[in-house]
Every structure is written in structure tokens, then in C-alpha cells.
Amino acid sequence: MKAASTPDPTAFDPVRLIEDHQAGVWRYLRALGCEPNLAEDLTQETFLAVLQRPFENYNAAATATYLRRTAFNALVSYQRRAKKVTTVENIDELNQQWDDWAGSDNGEELLDALRRCLMVLSDRARLALELRFRDRASRDAIASRLEMSEHGAKNLMQRAKKTLRECIESKLQ
């Protein structure tokens, strides 16, 4: 195992870098508030910027941090060019929370836990959450689709989210 301060230039593989970190960079940009298409564009810009300079591969955590910083800078540059002013308060706190949440696998373990836990829900509860978060349906539309009151749909989704949260937390311990 290499020391954290010693780069291994022979281990650098651009394809592997992109495969290992693309999803994490994209998710990070989404967490910063980017729309999906913008996050995709900025993710590409991030990797282009990194690959145009000499790159020293220390370890996965250092690489992920470097890529997030580069992605953040790409977002700031985009906002300046577009004359948009969007502040991200407490970027250091957000980065720490991202590290805690996503871990070294860019959030894949968490997503796997979510997929497993979704199977615990009833079909109605899963459908309600899919309509809300995938299709962005209103509570009224969800209630209509499930043939229940709007209040009933709200309660169903609240219970389903609580069940998911508890299930995911238990799987990650």
C-alpha cells in the first residue's frame, strides 16, 4: 500500500478515473442545485479540465475531493458566464456531509440499500413515492391515481419515507 503522500503515476488510467468517479461528481453537482443536464455538462467539463493537466493519483478519497473541487469551480465559472448569482452557503460543511453520505463509493452502497428497502414497501406505497419523486406528480394527482384522499396519500407517503429511512439506516450500520 502506498503512503498517502506518494503519488503513483503508473496507476493513472483516465478511463478508470471516469468510470469510478463520474456518478459521484454528477451527484455532487446535483446536490449543489444543478439541473440534470447542467450537471452532466459540468461533469464532462470537470473531467476534461482534469485530463488536460498532469494528474497525480494519490488515493480514491483524495481524487474524489479534487474532482469535487474542480466541479465546484466549473459551476462557479458557468454561473459567472451566465451572469447567475447562486450562493452555496457553508461549502465546507456541504463537502463534509457529502463525504459522510457518499463515502468512498460515491453513494453506491446507499443507493443499493435504497433499492433493497424499496422492495419492503407495499406496492401502493412504492407507487406513491415513484409518482412523487420520479414523475414529480402532485399530491392531488397521486391521490387520484391511488383512488384515495389527498390526506390519505400524504400519510401513505410519510409512512413510506419513514419506513425507508429506518430500513436504510439499519442496512448501513
N, C-alpha and C. Protein backbone atom coordinates (compact mmCIF):
# COMPACT_ATOMS: atom_id res chain seq x y z
N MET A 1 0.84 -1.18 0.00
CA MET A 1 0.00 0.00 0.00
C MET A 1 0.88 1.24 0.00
N LYS A 2 0.57 2.20 -0.82
CA LYS A 2 1.34 3.43 -0.94
C LYS A 2 0.96 4.40 0.17
N ALA A 3 1.92 5.18 0.58
CA ALA A 3 1.64 6.23 1.56
C ALA A 3 0.76 7.28 0.89
N ALA A 4 -0.06 7.95 1.68
CA ALA A 4 -0.99 8.93 1.14
C ALA A 4 -0.29 10.08 0.43
N SER A 5 0.95 10.35 0.76
CA SER A 5 1.64 11.49 0.18
C SER A 5 2.48 11.11 -1.04
N THR A 6 2.48 9.85 -1.43
CA THR A 6 3.29 9.42 -2.55
C THR A 6 2.40 9.07 -3.73
N PRO A 7 2.44 9.88 -4.81
CA PRO A 7 1.61 9.57 -5.96
C PRO A 7 2.13 8.35 -6.70
N ASP A 8 1.25 7.67 -7.39
CA ASP A 8 1.62 6.51 -8.19
C ASP A 8 1.27 6.81 -9.65
N PRO A 9 2.21 7.46 -10.39
CA PRO A 9 1.90 7.89 -11.75
C PRO A 9 1.63 6.72 -12.69
N THR A 10 2.14 5.54 -12.40
CA THR A 10 1.91 4.39 -13.28
C THR A 10 0.49 3.87 -13.16
N ALA A 11 -0.20 4.20 -12.08
CA ALA A 11 -1.54 3.68 -11.85
C ALA A 11 -2.63 4.53 -12.49
N PHE A 12 -2.28 5.64 -13.13
CA PHE A 12 -3.30 6.53 -13.68
C PHE A 12 -3.88 5.97 -14.97
N ASP A 13 -5.19 5.81 -14.96
CA ASP A 13 -5.93 5.33 -16.13
C ASP A 13 -7.13 6.25 -16.29
N PRO A 14 -7.14 7.11 -17.33
CA PRO A 14 -8.24 8.07 -17.49
C PRO A 14 -9.61 7.42 -17.59
N VAL A 15 -9.69 6.29 -18.28
CA VAL A 15 -10.99 5.61 -18.41
C VAL A 15 -11.48 5.15 -17.04
N ARG A 16 -10.58 4.59 -16.27
CA ARG A 16 -10.94 4.12 -14.92
C ARG A 16 -11.33 5.29 -14.03
N LEU A 17 -10.60 6.40 -14.15
CA LEU A 17 -10.92 7.60 -13.38
C LEU A 17 -12.37 8.02 -13.63
N ILE A 18 -12.75 8.07 -14.89
CA ILE A 18 -14.11 8.49 -15.25
C ILE A 18 -15.12 7.46 -14.77
N GLU A 19 -14.85 6.18 -15.01
CA GLU A 19 -15.78 5.13 -14.57
C GLU A 19 -16.00 5.16 -13.06
N ASP A 20 -14.93 5.37 -12.32
CA ASP A 20 -15.01 5.33 -10.86
C ASP A 20 -15.66 6.56 -10.26
N HIS A 21 -15.54 7.71 -10.92
CA HIS A 21 -15.94 8.96 -10.27
C HIS A 21 -17.03 9.76 -10.97
N GLN A 22 -17.41 9.39 -12.18
CA GLN A 22 -18.38 10.20 -12.92
C GLN A 22 -19.71 10.33 -12.18
N ALA A 23 -20.25 9.23 -11.69
CA ALA A 23 -21.54 9.29 -10.99
C ALA A 23 -21.44 10.15 -9.73
N GLY A 24 -20.34 10.05 -9.01
CA GLY A 24 -20.19 10.84 -7.79
C GLY A 24 -20.10 12.32 -8.07
N VAL A 25 -19.38 12.71 -9.13
CA VAL A 25 -19.28 14.13 -9.49
C VAL A 25 -20.66 14.64 -9.90
N TRP A 26 -21.37 13.85 -10.71
CA TRP A 26 -22.71 14.26 -11.15
C TRP A 26 -23.64 14.43 -9.95
N ARG A 27 -23.62 13.49 -9.03
CA ARG A 27 -24.48 13.57 -7.84
C ARG A 27 -24.11 14.79 -6.98
N TYR A 28 -22.83 15.06 -6.88
CA TYR A 28 -22.37 16.21 -6.11
C TYR A 28 -22.92 17.50 -6.72
N LEU A 29 -22.83 17.62 -8.04
CA LEU A 29 -23.35 18.82 -8.71
C LEU A 29 -24.86 18.94 -8.53
N ARG A 30 -25.56 17.82 -8.54
CA ARG A 30 -27.00 17.85 -8.29
C ARG A 30 -27.26 18.32 -6.86
N ALA A 31 -26.43 17.87 -5.91
CA ALA A 31 -26.59 18.30 -4.52
C ALA A 31 -26.35 19.80 -4.39
N LEU A 32 -25.53 20.36 -5.27
CA LEU A 32 -25.28 21.80 -5.27
C LEU A 32 -26.42 22.57 -5.93
N GLY A 33 -27.37 21.86 -6.52
CA GLY A 33 -28.54 22.53 -7.10
C GLY A 33 -28.60 22.55 -8.61
N CYS A 34 -27.70 21.88 -9.28
CA CYS A 34 -27.71 21.85 -10.75
C CYS A 34 -28.87 21.00 -11.27
N GLU A 35 -29.45 21.45 -12.37
CA GLU A 35 -30.42 20.62 -13.09
C GLU A 35 -29.66 19.44 -13.70
N PRO A 36 -30.33 18.33 -13.99
CA PRO A 36 -29.63 17.15 -14.52
C PRO A 36 -28.77 17.42 -15.75
N ASN A 37 -29.28 18.17 -16.73
CA ASN A 37 -28.50 18.43 -17.94
C ASN A 37 -27.27 19.28 -17.65
N LEU A 38 -27.41 20.27 -16.79
CA LEU A 38 -26.27 21.10 -16.43
C LEU A 38 -25.25 20.28 -15.66
N ALA A 39 -25.71 19.43 -14.76
CA ALA A 39 -24.79 18.57 -14.00
C ALA A 39 -24.01 17.67 -14.95
N GLU A 40 -24.67 17.16 -15.97
CA GLU A 40 -24.00 16.31 -16.97
C GLU A 40 -22.93 17.11 -17.72
N ASP A 41 -23.28 18.31 -18.16
CA ASP A 41 -22.32 19.15 -18.88
C ASP A 41 -21.12 19.50 -18.00
N LEU A 42 -21.38 19.89 -16.76
CA LEU A 42 -20.30 20.28 -15.86
C LEU A 42 -19.45 19.08 -15.45
N THR A 43 -20.06 17.91 -15.38
CA THR A 43 -19.28 16.69 -15.10
C THR A 43 -18.29 16.45 -16.23
N GLN A 44 -18.76 16.60 -17.47
CA GLN A 44 -17.85 16.44 -18.61
C GLN A 44 -16.75 17.49 -18.58
N GLU A 45 -17.11 18.74 -18.29
CA GLU A 45 -16.10 19.81 -18.20
C GLU A 45 -15.08 19.50 -17.11
N THR A 46 -15.55 18.95 -16.01
CA THR A 46 -14.65 18.60 -14.90
C THR A 46 -13.60 17.61 -15.35
N PHE A 47 -14.03 16.54 -16.00
CA PHE A 47 -13.07 15.53 -16.43
C PHE A 47 -12.16 16.05 -17.54
N LEU A 48 -12.69 16.87 -18.43
CA LEU A 48 -11.83 17.46 -19.46
C LEU A 48 -10.75 18.33 -18.83
N ALA A 49 -11.14 19.13 -17.85
CA ALA A 49 -10.18 20.00 -17.17
C ALA A 49 -9.11 19.18 -16.46
N VAL A 50 -9.52 18.13 -15.79
CA VAL A 50 -8.57 17.29 -15.05
C VAL A 50 -7.63 16.57 -16.00
N LEU A 51 -8.16 16.08 -17.10
CA LEU A 51 -7.34 15.30 -18.03
C LEU A 51 -6.41 16.16 -18.88
N GLN A 52 -6.63 17.47 -18.90
CA GLN A 52 -5.75 18.36 -19.66
C GLN A 52 -4.52 18.78 -18.87
N ARG A 53 -4.48 18.43 -17.61
CA ARG A 53 -3.35 18.78 -16.75
C ARG A 53 -2.69 17.50 -16.25
N PRO A 54 -1.45 17.62 -15.81
CA PRO A 54 -0.83 16.44 -15.18
C PRO A 54 -1.66 16.04 -13.96
N PHE A 55 -1.85 14.75 -13.77
CA PHE A 55 -2.68 14.26 -12.68
C PHE A 55 -1.89 13.26 -11.86
N GLU A 56 -1.90 13.46 -10.56
CA GLU A 56 -1.22 12.54 -9.65
C GLU A 56 -2.27 11.80 -8.84
N ASN A 57 -2.30 10.50 -9.00
CA ASN A 57 -3.30 9.67 -8.35
C ASN A 57 -2.80 9.23 -6.98
N TYR A 58 -3.25 9.91 -5.92
CA TYR A 58 -2.83 9.56 -4.56
C TYR A 58 -3.65 8.41 -4.02
N ASN A 59 -4.96 8.61 -3.93
CA ASN A 59 -5.89 7.58 -3.48
C ASN A 59 -7.30 8.00 -3.87
N ALA A 60 -8.26 7.11 -3.70
CA ALA A 60 -9.63 7.37 -4.15
C ALA A 60 -10.25 8.58 -3.44
N ALA A 61 -10.02 8.70 -2.15
CA ALA A 61 -10.62 9.82 -1.40
C ALA A 61 -10.05 11.15 -1.85
N ALA A 62 -8.73 11.22 -2.03
CA ALA A 62 -8.10 12.46 -2.49
C ALA A 62 -8.57 12.81 -3.90
N THR A 63 -8.68 11.80 -4.74
CA THR A 63 -9.14 12.02 -6.11
C THR A 63 -10.57 12.55 -6.11
N ALA A 64 -11.44 11.95 -5.31
CA ALA A 64 -12.84 12.39 -5.24
C ALA A 64 -12.93 13.84 -4.76
N THR A 65 -12.13 14.19 -3.77
CA THR A 65 -12.11 15.56 -3.25
C THR A 65 -11.64 16.53 -4.33
N TYR A 66 -10.58 16.17 -5.04
CA TYR A 66 -10.04 17.00 -6.11
C TYR A 66 -11.09 17.19 -7.22
N LEU A 67 -11.77 16.13 -7.59
CA LEU A 67 -12.79 16.22 -8.64
C LEU A 67 -13.97 17.07 -8.19
N ARG A 68 -14.37 16.96 -6.94
CA ARG A 68 -15.47 17.80 -6.44
C ARG A 68 -15.07 19.27 -6.46
N ARG A 69 -13.85 19.56 -6.06
CA ARG A 69 -13.37 20.95 -6.07
C ARG A 69 -13.36 21.48 -7.51
N THR A 70 -12.89 20.67 -8.44
CA THR A 70 -12.86 21.07 -9.85
C THR A 70 -14.28 21.27 -10.37
N ALA A 71 -15.20 20.39 -10.00
CA ALA A 71 -16.60 20.51 -10.42
C ALA A 71 -17.22 21.78 -9.83
N PHE A 72 -16.93 22.07 -8.58
CA PHE A 72 -17.45 23.28 -7.95
C PHE A 72 -16.94 24.51 -8.70
N ASN A 73 -15.66 24.51 -9.04
CA ASN A 73 -15.09 25.64 -9.79
C ASN A 73 -15.73 25.75 -11.17
N ALA A 74 -16.03 24.64 -11.82
CA ALA A 74 -16.71 24.67 -13.11
C ALA A 74 -18.11 25.27 -12.96
N LEU A 75 -18.79 24.94 -11.87
CA LEU A 75 -20.11 25.51 -11.61
C LEU A 75 -20.02 27.02 -11.40
N VAL A 76 -19.05 27.46 -10.63
CA VAL A 76 -18.87 28.89 -10.39
C VAL A 76 -18.58 29.61 -11.71
N SER A 77 -17.71 29.04 -12.53
CA SER A 77 -17.40 29.64 -13.84
C SER A 77 -18.64 29.71 -14.72
N TYR A 78 -19.42 28.65 -14.72
CA TYR A 78 -20.67 28.64 -15.50
C TYR A 78 -21.59 29.76 -15.03
N GLN A 79 -21.75 29.89 -13.73
CA GLN A 79 -22.65 30.91 -13.19
C GLN A 79 -22.16 32.31 -13.53
N ARG A 80 -20.86 32.50 -13.52
CA ARG A 80 -20.32 33.82 -13.90
C ARG A 80 -20.60 34.12 -15.36
N ARG A 81 -20.36 33.12 -16.23
CA ARG A 81 -20.62 33.31 -17.67
C ARG A 81 -22.10 33.58 -17.92
N ALA A 82 -22.96 32.91 -17.20
CA ALA A 82 -24.41 33.06 -17.38
C ALA A 82 -24.96 34.24 -16.59
N LYS A 83 -24.07 34.91 -15.87
CA LYS A 83 -24.45 36.04 -15.02
C LYS A 83 -25.53 35.65 -14.01
N LYS A 84 -25.40 34.43 -13.50
CA LYS A 84 -26.30 33.95 -12.46
C LYS A 84 -25.58 34.05 -11.13
N VAL A 85 -26.33 34.43 -10.13
CA VAL A 85 -25.76 34.50 -8.80
C VAL A 85 -26.51 33.52 -7.92
N THR A 86 -25.84 32.45 -7.60
CA THR A 86 -26.40 31.45 -6.70
C THR A 86 -25.34 31.16 -5.66
N THR A 87 -25.69 31.33 -4.43
CA THR A 87 -24.70 31.08 -3.39
C THR A 87 -24.91 29.70 -2.80
N VAL A 88 -23.82 29.07 -2.50
CA VAL A 88 -23.85 27.81 -1.77
C VAL A 88 -23.20 28.12 -0.44
N GLU A 89 -24.05 28.31 0.56
CA GLU A 89 -23.51 28.64 1.87
C GLU A 89 -22.87 27.41 2.48
N ASN A 90 -21.84 27.66 3.25
CA ASN A 90 -21.18 26.59 4.01
C ASN A 90 -20.72 25.44 3.11
N ILE A 91 -19.95 25.77 2.06
CA ILE A 91 -19.50 24.74 1.13
C ILE A 91 -18.64 23.70 1.84
N ASP A 92 -17.86 24.10 2.83
CA ASP A 92 -17.05 23.13 3.57
C ASP A 92 -17.94 22.14 4.32
N GLU A 93 -19.01 22.66 4.91
CA GLU A 93 -19.95 21.79 5.62
C GLU A 93 -20.64 20.84 4.64
N LEU A 94 -21.02 21.36 3.47
CA LEU A 94 -21.63 20.51 2.45
C LEU A 94 -20.65 19.42 2.02
N ASN A 95 -19.39 19.77 1.82
CA ASN A 95 -18.39 18.78 1.43
C ASN A 95 -18.23 17.70 2.49
N GLN A 96 -18.25 18.09 3.76
CA GLN A 96 -18.13 17.11 4.84
C GLN A 96 -19.35 16.19 4.87
N GLN A 97 -20.52 16.78 4.71
CA GLN A 97 -21.74 15.97 4.68
C GLN A 97 -21.72 15.03 3.47
N TRP A 98 -21.21 15.52 2.34
CA TRP A 98 -21.12 14.68 1.16
C TRP A 98 -20.20 13.49 1.43
N ASP A 99 -19.05 13.74 2.04
CA ASP A 99 -18.13 12.65 2.37
C ASP A 99 -18.79 11.65 3.31
N ASP A 100 -19.53 12.15 4.30
CA ASP A 100 -20.21 11.27 5.24
C ASP A 100 -21.28 10.44 4.55
N TRP A 101 -22.03 11.08 3.65
CA TRP A 101 -23.15 10.42 2.98
C TRP A 101 -22.67 9.49 1.88
N ALA A 102 -21.85 9.99 0.99
CA ALA A 102 -21.48 9.22 -0.20
C ALA A 102 -20.37 8.22 0.09
N GLY A 103 -19.53 8.52 1.05
CA GLY A 103 -18.43 7.61 1.36
C GLY A 103 -17.45 7.49 0.22
N SER A 104 -16.69 6.43 0.23
CA SER A 104 -15.65 6.26 -0.78
C SER A 104 -16.19 5.67 -2.08
N ASP A 105 -17.46 5.26 -2.09
CA ASP A 105 -18.01 4.64 -3.30
C ASP A 105 -19.00 5.53 -4.03
N ASN A 106 -18.94 6.84 -3.78
CA ASN A 106 -19.80 7.82 -4.45
C ASN A 106 -21.29 7.58 -4.22
N GLY A 107 -21.63 6.95 -3.11
CA GLY A 107 -23.02 6.75 -2.75
C GLY A 107 -23.64 5.47 -3.27
N GLU A 108 -22.84 4.60 -3.89
CA GLU A 108 -23.39 3.36 -4.45
C GLU A 108 -23.97 2.44 -3.37
N GLU A 109 -23.30 2.33 -2.23
CA GLU A 109 -23.81 1.48 -1.14
C GLU A 109 -25.16 1.99 -0.65
N LEU A 110 -25.27 3.31 -0.55
CA LEU A 110 -26.52 3.92 -0.12
C LEU A 110 -27.64 3.66 -1.13
N LEU A 111 -27.32 3.79 -2.42
CA LEU A 111 -28.32 3.52 -3.45
C LEU A 111 -28.74 2.05 -3.47
N ASP A 112 -27.78 1.16 -3.26
CA ASP A 112 -28.12 -0.27 -3.17
C ASP A 112 -29.06 -0.53 -2.00
N ALA A 113 -28.78 0.11 -0.86
CA ALA A 113 -29.65 -0.05 0.31
C ALA A 113 -31.04 0.49 0.00
N LEU A 114 -31.11 1.62 -0.68
CA LEU A 114 -32.41 2.20 -1.05
C LEU A 114 -33.19 1.23 -1.95
N ARG A 115 -32.52 0.66 -2.94
CA ARG A 115 -33.19 -0.29 -3.84
C ARG A 115 -33.74 -1.50 -3.07
N ARG A 116 -32.92 -2.02 -2.14
CA ARG A 116 -33.37 -3.17 -1.35
C ARG A 116 -34.54 -2.78 -0.46
N CYS A 117 -34.46 -1.61 0.13
CA CYS A 117 -35.51 -1.17 1.05
C CYS A 117 -36.81 -0.82 0.33
N LEU A 118 -36.72 -0.37 -0.91
CA LEU A 118 -37.95 -0.10 -1.66
C LEU A 118 -38.79 -1.36 -1.82
N MET A 119 -38.12 -2.51 -1.86
CA MET A 119 -38.84 -3.77 -2.02
C MET A 119 -39.63 -4.14 -0.76
N VAL A 120 -39.30 -3.52 0.38
CA VAL A 120 -40.00 -3.77 1.64
C VAL A 120 -41.38 -3.10 1.63
N LEU A 121 -41.50 -2.02 0.88
CA LEU A 121 -42.75 -1.24 0.86
C LEU A 121 -43.85 -1.99 0.13
N SER A 122 -45.08 -1.64 0.47
CA SER A 122 -46.22 -2.18 -0.27
C SER A 122 -46.19 -1.61 -1.69
N ASP A 123 -46.88 -2.27 -2.60
CA ASP A 123 -46.92 -1.78 -3.99
C ASP A 123 -47.49 -0.37 -4.06
N ARG A 124 -48.54 -0.11 -3.26
CA ARG A 124 -49.16 1.23 -3.26
C ARG A 124 -48.19 2.28 -2.76
N ALA A 125 -47.49 1.99 -1.68
CA ALA A 125 -46.55 2.96 -1.11
C ALA A 125 -45.41 3.22 -2.09
N ARG A 126 -44.89 2.16 -2.71
CA ARG A 126 -43.80 2.31 -3.67
C ARG A 126 -44.27 3.14 -4.87
N LEU A 127 -45.48 2.86 -5.36
CA LEU A 127 -46.03 3.62 -6.48
C LEU A 127 -46.20 5.09 -6.11
N ALA A 128 -46.69 5.35 -4.91
CA ALA A 128 -46.88 6.74 -4.46
C ALA A 128 -45.55 7.49 -4.47
N LEU A 129 -44.50 6.86 -3.94
CA LEU A 129 -43.19 7.52 -3.92
C LEU A 129 -42.61 7.68 -5.32
N GLU A 130 -42.81 6.69 -6.18
CA GLU A 130 -42.33 6.81 -7.56
C GLU A 130 -43.03 7.96 -8.28
N LEU A 131 -44.34 8.05 -8.09
CA LEU A 131 -45.08 9.15 -8.71
C LEU A 131 -44.58 10.50 -8.20
N ARG A 132 -44.32 10.57 -6.91
CA ARG A 132 -43.90 11.85 -6.32
C ARG A 132 -42.48 12.24 -6.72
N PHE A 133 -41.55 11.30 -6.58
CA PHE A 133 -40.14 11.67 -6.75
C PHE A 133 -39.59 11.40 -8.14
N ARG A 134 -40.10 10.41 -8.83
CA ARG A 134 -39.63 10.16 -10.19
C ARG A 134 -40.40 11.00 -11.19
N ASP A 135 -41.74 10.99 -11.05
CA ASP A 135 -42.60 11.69 -12.00
C ASP A 135 -42.96 13.10 -11.57
N ARG A 136 -42.60 13.46 -10.35
CA ARG A 136 -42.88 14.79 -9.79
C ARG A 136 -44.38 15.12 -9.81
N ALA A 137 -45.18 14.11 -9.56
CA ALA A 137 -46.63 14.30 -9.53
C ALA A 137 -47.04 15.03 -8.26
N SER A 138 -48.10 15.79 -8.36
CA SER A 138 -48.62 16.50 -7.19
C SER A 138 -49.31 15.49 -6.26
N ARG A 139 -49.51 15.91 -5.02
CA ARG A 139 -50.19 15.04 -4.06
C ARG A 139 -51.61 14.73 -4.55
N ASP A 140 -52.25 15.73 -5.14
CA ASP A 140 -53.60 15.54 -5.66
C ASP A 140 -53.61 14.48 -6.78
N ALA A 141 -52.64 14.54 -7.68
CA ALA A 141 -52.55 13.57 -8.77
C ALA A 141 -52.27 12.17 -8.23
N ILE A 142 -51.43 12.09 -7.22
CA ILE A 142 -51.12 10.79 -6.60
C ILE A 142 -52.37 10.21 -5.95
N ALA A 143 -53.08 11.06 -5.22
CA ALA A 143 -54.31 10.61 -4.57
C ALA A 143 -55.31 10.10 -5.60
N SER A 144 -55.44 10.81 -6.69
CA SER A 144 -56.36 10.41 -7.74
C SER A 144 -55.95 9.07 -8.35
N ARG A 145 -54.68 8.91 -8.63
CA ARG A 145 -54.18 7.66 -9.22
C ARG A 145 -54.37 6.47 -8.28
N LEU A 146 -54.20 6.72 -6.97
CA LEU A 146 -54.34 5.64 -5.99
C LEU A 146 -55.76 5.50 -5.47
N GLU A 147 -56.65 6.36 -5.99
CA GLU A 147 -58.06 6.35 -5.58
C GLU A 147 -58.21 6.48 -4.08
N MET A 148 -57.61 7.54 -3.56
CA MET A 148 -57.70 7.83 -2.13
C MET A 148 -57.73 9.34 -1.95
N SER A 149 -57.97 9.79 -0.73
CA SER A 149 -58.00 11.23 -0.47
C SER A 149 -56.58 11.78 -0.52
N GLU A 150 -56.50 13.08 -0.71
CA GLU A 150 -55.19 13.74 -0.72
C GLU A 150 -54.50 13.56 0.62
N HIS A 151 -55.26 13.66 1.70
CA HIS A 151 -54.72 13.46 3.04
C HIS A 151 -54.20 12.03 3.20
N GLY A 152 -54.94 11.07 2.66
CA GLY A 152 -54.51 9.67 2.72
C GLY A 152 -53.21 9.45 1.96
N ALA A 153 -53.08 10.09 0.80
CA ALA A 153 -51.85 9.98 0.02
C ALA A 153 -50.67 10.58 0.78
N LYS A 154 -50.92 11.71 1.44
CA LYS A 154 -49.86 12.34 2.23
C LYS A 154 -49.40 11.41 3.34
N ASN A 155 -50.35 10.83 4.07
CA ASN A 155 -50.00 9.92 5.16
C ASN A 155 -49.27 8.68 4.65
N LEU A 156 -49.73 8.13 3.53
CA LEU A 156 -49.09 6.96 2.95
C LEU A 156 -47.63 7.26 2.61
N MET A 157 -47.38 8.41 2.00
CA MET A 157 -46.00 8.77 1.63
C MET A 157 -45.15 9.04 2.86
N GLN A 158 -45.72 9.67 3.88
CA GLN A 158 -44.96 9.92 5.11
C GLN A 158 -44.55 8.61 5.77
N ARG A 159 -45.48 7.67 5.86
CA ARG A 159 -45.16 6.37 6.45
C ARG A 159 -44.12 5.62 5.61
N ALA A 160 -44.26 5.70 4.31
CA ALA A 160 -43.31 5.01 3.42
C ALA A 160 -41.91 5.61 3.56
N LYS A 161 -41.81 6.92 3.63
CA LYS A 161 -40.49 7.56 3.79
C LYS A 161 -39.87 7.19 5.13
N LYS A 162 -40.69 7.12 6.17
CA LYS A 162 -40.18 6.73 7.49
C LYS A 162 -39.67 5.29 7.45
N THR A 163 -40.42 4.42 6.82
CA THR A 163 -40.00 3.02 6.69
C THR A 163 -38.70 2.92 5.91
N LEU A 164 -38.60 3.66 4.82
CA LEU A 164 -37.36 3.66 4.02
C LEU A 164 -36.18 4.15 4.84
N ARG A 165 -36.36 5.25 5.54
CA ARG A 165 -35.27 5.82 6.34
C ARG A 165 -34.77 4.80 7.37
N GLU A 166 -35.71 4.18 8.09
CA GLU A 166 -35.32 3.20 9.11
C GLU A 166 -34.64 1.99 8.48
N CYS A 167 -35.14 1.53 7.37
CA CYS A 167 -34.56 0.37 6.68
C CYS A 167 -33.15 0.68 6.20
N ILE A 168 -32.97 1.83 5.58
CA ILE A 168 -31.64 2.20 5.06
C ILE A 168 -30.65 2.35 6.20
N GLU A 169 -31.06 3.02 7.27
CA GLU A 169 -30.16 3.19 8.41
C GLU A 169 -29.75 1.84 8.99
N SER A 170 -30.68 0.89 9.04
CA SER A 170 -30.33 -0.43 9.59
C SER A 170 -29.37 -1.18 8.66
N LYS A 171 -29.50 -1.01 7.37
CA LYS A 171 -28.63 -1.71 6.42
C LYS A 171 -27.23 -1.11 6.37
N LEU A 172 -27.10 0.15 6.73
CA LEU A 172 -25.79 0.81 6.66
C LEU A 172 -25.00 0.72 7.95
N GLN A 173 -25.59 0.13 8.99
CA GLN A 173 -24.88 0.02 10.27
C GLN A 173 -24.00 -1.19 10.30
